[in-house]
Structures are given as C-alpha cells and as structure tokens.
Amino acid sequence: MGVEVVDPRLESFGWKTYLQNRRGTSKITINKLVAVGAGLEKGQFLYCYLAKDKSDRSIVVVYLDGKPREKG
C-alpha cells in the first residue's frame, strides 16, 4: 500500500532513528523527547504509510493524531 507525497510540509526539526529487528518484527523508534513534544502517549496507535517524495525517494508518512489517512 502506498501514497504519493508530492510536497510534504516539513517542520523545522528532524531526527535520526534506527531500525530494530526482533524475531519476526521490525520497529522504528521515536526519541522520547519527540514523542512527549508531539503529545504522544504510550499505547497510542499511529497510522503509517509508505510513499515516495518528489525525488522518488522512499519515505514513511506517520499520522500522529490516531486517525487513518483520508481516502481520495
């Protein structure tokens, strides 16, 4: 499943994260200060989608409000 992001609006900050592999799953971590600053709570669902940016680079779009993307 993918969604094409033509012009993502980026905030003025970013962070580097790493991929954790355990048994049959992989996880992407979010720094605790970023999670607190974004108002995220433990156990909250985040909706994530694979996409491509204008340069055809693979990206992950994460909706932090607990709602899936709008269809259309």
N, C-alpha and C. Protein backbone atom coordinates (compact mmCIF):
# COMPACT_ATOMS: atom_id res chain seq x y z
N MET A 1 0.85 -1.17 0.00
CA MET A 1 0.00 0.00 0.00
C MET A 1 0.89 1.22 0.00
N GLY A 2 0.63 2.17 -0.84
CA GLY A 2 1.45 3.37 -0.88
C GLY A 2 0.63 4.60 -1.19
N VAL A 3 1.20 5.73 -0.88
CA VAL A 3 0.57 7.01 -1.17
C VAL A 3 1.68 7.94 -1.65
N GLU A 4 1.45 8.68 -2.71
CA GLU A 4 2.48 9.57 -3.23
C GLU A 4 2.37 10.93 -2.56
N VAL A 5 3.45 11.35 -1.95
CA VAL A 5 3.51 12.65 -1.31
C VAL A 5 4.24 13.59 -2.25
N VAL A 6 3.54 14.54 -2.81
CA VAL A 6 4.12 15.43 -3.81
C VAL A 6 4.92 16.54 -3.15
N ASP A 7 4.41 17.16 -2.12
CA ASP A 7 5.10 18.28 -1.48
C ASP A 7 4.85 18.25 0.01
N PRO A 8 5.55 17.38 0.74
CA PRO A 8 5.30 17.29 2.17
C PRO A 8 5.74 18.57 2.88
N ARG A 9 4.91 19.03 3.81
CA ARG A 9 5.27 20.19 4.62
C ARG A 9 6.07 19.68 5.80
N LEU A 10 7.29 20.13 5.91
CA LEU A 10 8.15 19.64 6.98
C LEU A 10 8.28 20.71 8.05
N GLU A 11 8.28 20.27 9.29
CA GLU A 11 8.52 21.18 10.40
C GLU A 11 9.99 21.56 10.39
N SER A 12 10.37 22.43 11.26
CA SER A 12 11.74 22.95 11.27
C SER A 12 12.73 22.05 11.99
N PHE A 13 12.30 20.86 12.40
CA PHE A 13 13.23 19.96 13.06
C PHE A 13 13.06 18.55 12.52
N GLY A 14 14.08 17.76 12.71
CA GLY A 14 14.06 16.36 12.30
C GLY A 14 14.94 15.57 13.25
N TRP A 15 14.95 14.28 13.12
CA TRP A 15 15.78 13.45 13.97
C TRP A 15 16.14 12.19 13.23
N LYS A 16 17.22 11.57 13.66
CA LYS A 16 17.66 10.32 13.08
C LYS A 16 17.15 9.20 13.97
N THR A 17 16.69 8.13 13.36
CA THR A 17 16.20 6.99 14.10
C THR A 17 16.84 5.73 13.53
N TYR A 18 16.63 4.62 14.17
CA TYR A 18 17.20 3.38 13.67
C TYR A 18 16.14 2.28 13.69
N LEU A 19 16.42 1.25 12.94
CA LEU A 19 15.52 0.12 12.81
C LEU A 19 15.94 -0.98 13.76
N GLN A 20 15.01 -1.48 14.57
CA GLN A 20 15.27 -2.59 15.48
C GLN A 20 14.62 -3.84 14.91
N ASN A 21 15.38 -4.91 14.81
CA ASN A 21 14.84 -6.18 14.33
C ASN A 21 14.80 -7.17 15.49
N ARG A 22 13.63 -7.76 15.72
CA ARG A 22 13.46 -8.78 16.75
C ARG A 22 12.58 -9.88 16.18
N ARG A 23 13.08 -11.05 16.18
CA ARG A 23 12.33 -12.21 15.70
C ARG A 23 11.63 -11.91 14.39
N GLY A 24 10.30 -11.85 14.38
CA GLY A 24 9.54 -11.65 13.14
C GLY A 24 9.07 -10.23 12.91
N THR A 25 9.54 -9.28 13.73
CA THR A 25 9.07 -7.90 13.56
C THR A 25 10.24 -6.93 13.48
N SER A 26 9.98 -5.78 12.91
CA SER A 26 10.94 -4.68 12.88
C SER A 26 10.25 -3.46 13.45
N LYS A 27 10.99 -2.62 14.15
CA LYS A 27 10.43 -1.42 14.77
C LYS A 27 11.29 -0.21 14.43
N ILE A 28 10.62 0.92 14.26
CA ILE A 28 11.30 2.20 14.12
C ILE A 28 11.04 2.96 15.41
N THR A 29 12.08 3.45 16.03
CA THR A 29 11.92 4.12 17.31
C THR A 29 11.74 5.62 17.12
N ILE A 30 11.08 6.24 18.09
CA ILE A 30 10.93 7.69 18.13
C ILE A 30 11.52 8.14 19.46
N ASN A 31 12.39 9.12 19.43
CA ASN A 31 13.00 9.66 20.63
C ASN A 31 11.92 10.08 21.62
N LYS A 32 12.13 9.81 22.90
CA LYS A 32 11.13 10.11 23.93
C LYS A 32 10.79 11.60 23.97
N LEU A 33 11.78 12.48 23.82
CA LEU A 33 11.51 13.92 23.84
C LEU A 33 10.64 14.34 22.65
N VAL A 34 10.83 13.69 21.51
CA VAL A 34 10.00 13.96 20.34
C VAL A 34 8.57 13.49 20.61
N ALA A 35 8.42 12.30 21.19
CA ALA A 35 7.10 11.76 21.49
C ALA A 35 6.36 12.66 22.48
N VAL A 36 7.04 13.11 23.51
CA VAL A 36 6.42 13.99 24.51
C VAL A 36 6.06 15.32 23.86
N GLY A 37 6.97 15.88 23.07
CA GLY A 37 6.71 17.15 22.39
C GLY A 37 5.55 17.09 21.42
N ALA A 38 5.33 15.91 20.82
CA ALA A 38 4.22 15.74 19.87
C ALA A 38 2.93 15.33 20.58
N GLY A 39 2.98 15.17 21.90
CA GLY A 39 1.78 14.80 22.66
C GLY A 39 1.38 13.35 22.51
N LEU A 40 2.34 12.47 22.21
CA LEU A 40 2.03 11.05 22.05
C LEU A 40 2.01 10.36 23.40
N GLU A 41 1.15 9.36 23.53
CA GLU A 41 1.04 8.61 24.77
C GLU A 41 1.33 7.13 24.52
N LYS A 42 1.82 6.45 25.54
CA LYS A 42 2.12 5.03 25.44
C LYS A 42 0.86 4.26 25.03
N GLY A 43 0.98 3.39 24.05
CA GLY A 43 -0.14 2.58 23.59
C GLY A 43 -0.97 3.23 22.50
N GLN A 44 -0.69 4.48 22.18
CA GLN A 44 -1.44 5.19 21.14
C GLN A 44 -1.12 4.60 19.77
N PHE A 45 -2.14 4.47 18.92
CA PHE A 45 -1.94 3.98 17.56
C PHE A 45 -1.50 5.12 16.66
N LEU A 46 -0.54 4.84 15.81
CA LEU A 46 -0.09 5.77 14.78
C LEU A 46 -0.30 5.10 13.44
N TYR A 47 -0.85 5.82 12.49
CA TYR A 47 -1.06 5.26 11.15
C TYR A 47 0.11 5.65 10.26
N CYS A 48 0.74 4.64 9.67
CA CYS A 48 1.95 4.83 8.87
C CYS A 48 1.72 4.33 7.45
N TYR A 49 2.27 5.06 6.49
CA TYR A 49 2.11 4.71 5.08
C TYR A 49 3.44 4.87 4.36
N LEU A 50 3.71 3.97 3.43
CA LEU A 50 4.88 4.09 2.57
C LEU A 50 4.55 5.03 1.43
N ALA A 51 5.53 5.85 1.03
CA ALA A 51 5.28 6.83 -0.03
C ALA A 51 6.59 7.15 -0.74
N LYS A 52 6.51 7.99 -1.74
CA LYS A 52 7.67 8.50 -2.48
C LYS A 52 7.60 10.02 -2.47
N ASP A 53 8.74 10.68 -2.34
CA ASP A 53 8.75 12.13 -2.43
C ASP A 53 9.00 12.55 -3.88
N LYS A 54 9.15 13.87 -4.11
CA LYS A 54 9.33 14.37 -5.47
C LYS A 54 10.57 13.81 -6.15
N SER A 55 11.57 13.47 -5.37
CA SER A 55 12.82 12.93 -5.91
C SER A 55 12.80 11.41 -6.03
N ASP A 56 11.62 10.81 -5.84
CA ASP A 56 11.43 9.37 -5.93
C ASP A 56 12.15 8.61 -4.81
N ARG A 57 12.41 9.29 -3.69
CA ARG A 57 12.99 8.63 -2.52
C ARG A 57 11.86 8.04 -1.68
N SER A 58 12.10 6.88 -1.12
CA SER A 58 11.11 6.24 -0.26
C SER A 58 11.02 6.98 1.07
N ILE A 59 9.78 7.20 1.53
CA ILE A 59 9.55 7.84 2.82
C ILE A 59 8.44 7.10 3.55
N VAL A 60 8.34 7.34 4.84
CA VAL A 60 7.25 6.83 5.67
C VAL A 60 6.49 8.04 6.18
N VAL A 61 5.19 8.08 5.93
CA VAL A 61 4.33 9.14 6.42
C VAL A 61 3.62 8.61 7.66
N VAL A 62 3.72 9.33 8.77
CA VAL A 62 3.12 8.89 10.03
C VAL A 62 2.12 9.95 10.48
N TYR A 63 0.88 9.54 10.65
CA TYR A 63 -0.16 10.43 11.18
C TYR A 63 -0.18 10.29 12.70
N LEU A 64 0.04 11.38 13.40
CA LEU A 64 0.18 11.35 14.86
C LEU A 64 -1.13 11.56 15.60
N ASP A 65 -2.22 11.81 14.87
CA ASP A 65 -3.49 12.10 15.54
C ASP A 65 -4.36 10.86 15.77
N GLY A 66 -3.85 9.68 15.44
CA GLY A 66 -4.60 8.45 15.70
C GLY A 66 -5.69 8.17 14.69
N LYS A 67 -5.70 8.89 13.57
CA LYS A 67 -6.71 8.69 12.54
C LYS A 67 -6.04 8.23 11.25
N PRO A 68 -6.67 7.32 10.50
CA PRO A 68 -6.09 6.90 9.21
C PRO A 68 -6.17 8.04 8.19
N ARG A 69 -5.41 7.90 7.11
CA ARG A 69 -5.42 8.93 6.07
C ARG A 69 -6.80 9.00 5.43
N GLU A 70 -7.10 10.16 4.87
CA GLU A 70 -8.36 10.34 4.17
C GLU A 70 -8.26 9.72 2.79
N LYS A 71 -9.23 8.98 2.41
CA LYS A 71 -9.27 8.36 1.07
C LYS A 71 -9.63 9.41 0.04
N GLY A 72 -8.99 9.29 -1.12
CA GLY A 72 -9.40 10.21 -2.16
C GLY A 72 -8.35 10.81 -2.91
